[in-house]
Amino acid sequence: MSVFPVVTPDEAIRVIKNYGFTLSRQSGSHMIFKNKLNKRITIPYHAGKTLHPKIVKSIIETLEISIDEFKENL
């Protein structure tokens, strides 16, 4: 199994937008994205910081893609 990549919030947002997610709302520093099937991804947005591996794992599971496919879309 591959190791989760180190990802900034901007990189994660770019990937999830490629899979049809759009910004639904924002609550403080947390950006909530939804797709047409009402799946939800929450990304804590702190400029200059990276996302915790658990958040990256959650994004990959919600998108239902492999780690390698996620890395290709960065």
N, C-alpha and C. Protein backbone atom coordinates (compact mmCIF):
# COMPACT_ATOMS: atom_id res chain seq x y z
N MET A 1 0.84 -1.18 0.00
CA MET A 1 0.00 0.00 0.00
C MET A 1 0.88 1.24 0.00
N SER A 2 0.50 2.21 -0.80
CA SER A 2 1.28 3.43 -0.91
C SER A 2 1.05 4.32 0.29
N VAL A 3 2.00 5.21 0.51
CA VAL A 3 1.89 6.19 1.58
C VAL A 3 1.07 7.36 1.06
N PHE A 4 0.27 7.95 1.93
CA PHE A 4 -0.54 9.09 1.52
C PHE A 4 0.35 10.27 1.18
N PRO A 5 0.04 10.99 0.10
CA PRO A 5 0.89 12.11 -0.30
C PRO A 5 0.70 13.31 0.64
N VAL A 6 1.73 14.15 0.70
CA VAL A 6 1.64 15.40 1.45
C VAL A 6 0.97 16.40 0.52
N VAL A 7 -0.17 16.94 0.96
CA VAL A 7 -1.01 17.76 0.09
C VAL A 7 -1.38 19.06 0.80
N THR A 8 -1.35 20.16 0.06
CA THR A 8 -1.84 21.43 0.59
C THR A 8 -3.35 21.51 0.32
N PRO A 9 -4.05 22.39 1.02
CA PRO A 9 -5.49 22.53 0.74
C PRO A 9 -5.78 22.90 -0.71
N ASP A 10 -4.96 23.77 -1.30
CA ASP A 10 -5.18 24.17 -2.69
C ASP A 10 -5.07 22.98 -3.65
N GLU A 11 -4.11 22.10 -3.41
CA GLU A 11 -3.95 20.92 -4.27
C GLU A 11 -5.14 19.99 -4.12
N ALA A 12 -5.61 19.79 -2.89
CA ALA A 12 -6.76 18.92 -2.65
C ALA A 12 -8.01 19.49 -3.30
N ILE A 13 -8.19 20.79 -3.22
CA ILE A 13 -9.36 21.43 -3.82
C ILE A 13 -9.33 21.24 -5.34
N ARG A 14 -8.17 21.38 -5.94
CA ARG A 14 -8.04 21.20 -7.39
C ARG A 14 -8.44 19.77 -7.80
N VAL A 15 -8.03 18.78 -7.01
CA VAL A 15 -8.36 17.40 -7.31
C VAL A 15 -9.86 17.15 -7.18
N ILE A 16 -10.45 17.58 -6.06
CA ILE A 16 -11.87 17.27 -5.87
C ILE A 16 -12.76 18.02 -6.87
N LYS A 17 -12.32 19.19 -7.31
CA LYS A 17 -13.10 19.89 -8.34
C LYS A 17 -13.09 19.12 -9.65
N ASN A 18 -11.99 18.41 -9.93
CA ASN A 18 -11.92 17.58 -11.13
C ASN A 18 -12.93 16.43 -11.08
N TYR A 19 -13.36 16.06 -9.88
CA TYR A 19 -14.33 14.97 -9.71
C TYR A 19 -15.75 15.50 -9.50
N GLY A 20 -16.00 16.75 -9.83
CA GLY A 20 -17.35 17.29 -9.83
C GLY A 20 -17.82 17.90 -8.52
N PHE A 21 -16.93 18.12 -7.58
CA PHE A 21 -17.32 18.75 -6.32
C PHE A 21 -17.24 20.27 -6.47
N THR A 22 -18.22 20.96 -5.87
CA THR A 22 -18.22 22.41 -5.88
C THR A 22 -18.36 22.91 -4.44
N LEU A 23 -17.89 24.13 -4.21
CA LEU A 23 -17.97 24.72 -2.88
C LEU A 23 -19.43 24.95 -2.52
N SER A 24 -19.88 24.32 -1.46
CA SER A 24 -21.25 24.47 -1.00
C SER A 24 -21.36 25.63 -0.02
N ARG A 25 -20.44 25.65 0.95
CA ARG A 25 -20.43 26.72 1.94
C ARG A 25 -19.09 26.70 2.66
N GLN A 26 -18.89 27.72 3.49
CA GLN A 26 -17.68 27.79 4.28
C GLN A 26 -18.05 28.19 5.69
N SER A 27 -17.46 27.49 6.66
CA SER A 27 -17.70 27.78 8.06
C SER A 27 -16.34 28.04 8.71
N GLY A 28 -16.01 29.29 8.88
CA GLY A 28 -14.69 29.64 9.40
C GLY A 28 -13.62 29.24 8.41
N SER A 29 -12.67 28.42 8.85
CA SER A 29 -11.59 27.99 7.96
C SER A 29 -11.90 26.67 7.27
N HIS A 30 -13.10 26.13 7.46
CA HIS A 30 -13.46 24.86 6.84
C HIS A 30 -14.33 25.08 5.61
N MET A 31 -13.86 24.57 4.48
CA MET A 31 -14.59 24.67 3.23
C MET A 31 -15.31 23.35 2.99
N ILE A 32 -16.61 23.43 2.76
CA ILE A 32 -17.43 22.23 2.56
C ILE A 32 -17.81 22.14 1.08
N PHE A 33 -17.41 21.04 0.46
CA PHE A 33 -17.68 20.80 -0.95
C PHE A 33 -18.70 19.67 -1.07
N LYS A 34 -19.58 19.77 -2.07
CA LYS A 34 -20.56 18.73 -2.34
C LYS A 34 -20.58 18.44 -3.84
N ASN A 35 -21.03 17.22 -4.16
CA ASN A 35 -21.22 16.88 -5.57
C ASN A 35 -22.71 16.65 -5.82
N LYS A 36 -23.06 16.23 -7.01
CA LYS A 36 -24.47 16.05 -7.37
C LYS A 36 -25.14 14.92 -6.59
N LEU A 37 -24.34 13.97 -6.08
CA LEU A 37 -24.89 12.86 -5.29
C LEU A 37 -24.96 13.20 -3.80
N ASN A 38 -24.69 14.46 -3.46
CA ASN A 38 -24.68 14.98 -2.09
C ASN A 38 -23.60 14.35 -1.21
N LYS A 39 -22.54 13.84 -1.83
CA LYS A 39 -21.39 13.44 -1.04
C LYS A 39 -20.70 14.72 -0.59
N ARG A 40 -20.12 14.68 0.60
CA ARG A 40 -19.54 15.89 1.17
C ARG A 40 -18.07 15.67 1.53
N ILE A 41 -17.24 16.66 1.23
CA ILE A 41 -15.85 16.67 1.63
C ILE A 41 -15.58 18.00 2.33
N THR A 42 -15.02 17.93 3.52
CA THR A 42 -14.67 19.13 4.27
C THR A 42 -13.15 19.27 4.28
N ILE A 43 -12.68 20.44 3.89
CA ILE A 43 -11.25 20.70 3.86
C ILE A 43 -10.95 21.89 4.76
N PRO A 44 -10.11 21.68 5.79
CA PRO A 44 -9.68 22.82 6.61
C PRO A 44 -8.67 23.64 5.80
N TYR A 45 -8.98 24.91 5.59
CA TYR A 45 -8.13 25.73 4.73
C TYR A 45 -7.27 26.66 5.57
N HIS A 46 -5.98 26.32 5.66
CA HIS A 46 -5.00 27.16 6.34
C HIS A 46 -3.85 27.33 5.36
N ALA A 47 -3.69 28.53 4.82
CA ALA A 47 -2.67 28.79 3.81
C ALA A 47 -1.28 28.45 4.34
N GLY A 48 -0.50 27.79 3.50
CA GLY A 48 0.86 27.45 3.87
C GLY A 48 1.01 26.19 4.69
N LYS A 49 -0.08 25.54 5.04
CA LYS A 49 -0.02 24.31 5.83
C LYS A 49 -0.43 23.13 4.96
N THR A 50 -0.08 21.94 5.41
CA THR A 50 -0.47 20.73 4.69
C THR A 50 -1.60 20.03 5.44
N LEU A 51 -2.33 19.20 4.71
CA LEU A 51 -3.43 18.47 5.31
C LEU A 51 -2.91 17.25 6.06
N HIS A 52 -3.57 16.92 7.14
CA HIS A 52 -3.22 15.72 7.92
C HIS A 52 -3.50 14.49 7.06
N PRO A 53 -2.69 13.45 7.18
CA PRO A 53 -2.91 12.23 6.37
C PRO A 53 -4.31 11.63 6.54
N LYS A 54 -4.93 11.77 7.70
CA LYS A 54 -6.29 11.25 7.89
C LYS A 54 -7.29 11.99 7.01
N ILE A 55 -7.07 13.28 6.80
CA ILE A 55 -7.96 14.05 5.94
C ILE A 55 -7.77 13.62 4.49
N VAL A 56 -6.51 13.42 4.09
CA VAL A 56 -6.22 12.95 2.73
C VAL A 56 -6.86 11.58 2.51
N LYS A 57 -6.76 10.71 3.50
CA LYS A 57 -7.38 9.38 3.41
C LYS A 57 -8.90 9.51 3.25
N SER A 58 -9.51 10.40 4.00
CA SER A 58 -10.95 10.61 3.92
C SER A 58 -11.36 11.11 2.54
N ILE A 59 -10.58 12.02 1.98
CA ILE A 59 -10.87 12.53 0.63
C ILE A 59 -10.80 11.40 -0.40
N ILE A 60 -9.75 10.59 -0.31
CA ILE A 60 -9.56 9.48 -1.26
C ILE A 60 -10.71 8.48 -1.14
N GLU A 61 -11.13 8.18 0.08
CA GLU A 61 -12.25 7.25 0.28
C GLU A 61 -13.55 7.82 -0.25
N THR A 62 -13.79 9.10 -0.05
CA THR A 62 -15.02 9.72 -0.54
C THR A 62 -15.05 9.75 -2.07
N LEU A 63 -13.90 10.02 -2.67
CA LEU A 63 -13.82 10.03 -4.14
C LEU A 63 -13.87 8.63 -4.73
N GLU A 64 -13.63 7.61 -3.88
CA GLU A 64 -13.61 6.21 -4.29
C GLU A 64 -12.57 5.96 -5.38
N ILE A 65 -11.35 6.47 -5.13
CA ILE A 65 -10.24 6.27 -6.05
C ILE A 65 -9.05 5.69 -5.27
N SER A 66 -8.03 5.26 -6.00
CA SER A 66 -6.84 4.72 -5.36
C SER A 66 -5.89 5.88 -5.00
N ILE A 67 -4.93 5.57 -4.14
CA ILE A 67 -3.94 6.57 -3.75
C ILE A 67 -3.13 6.99 -4.98
N ASP A 68 -2.79 6.02 -5.82
CA ASP A 68 -2.02 6.33 -7.02
C ASP A 68 -2.79 7.24 -7.98
N GLU A 69 -4.09 6.99 -8.11
CA GLU A 69 -4.92 7.83 -8.98
C GLU A 69 -5.00 9.25 -8.41
N PHE A 70 -5.07 9.37 -7.09
CA PHE A 70 -5.09 10.68 -6.45
C PHE A 70 -3.79 11.42 -6.74
N LYS A 71 -2.66 10.70 -6.62
CA LYS A 71 -1.35 11.31 -6.88
C LYS A 71 -1.24 11.79 -8.33
N GLU A 72 -1.81 11.03 -9.26
CA GLU A 72 -1.75 11.40 -10.67
C GLU A 72 -2.51 12.69 -10.93
N ASN A 73 -3.55 12.96 -10.15
CA ASN A 73 -4.37 14.14 -10.36
C ASN A 73 -3.84 15.39 -9.66
N LEU A 74 -2.76 15.25 -8.91
CA LEU A 74 -2.20 16.43 -8.23
C LEU A 74 -1.58 17.39 -9.21
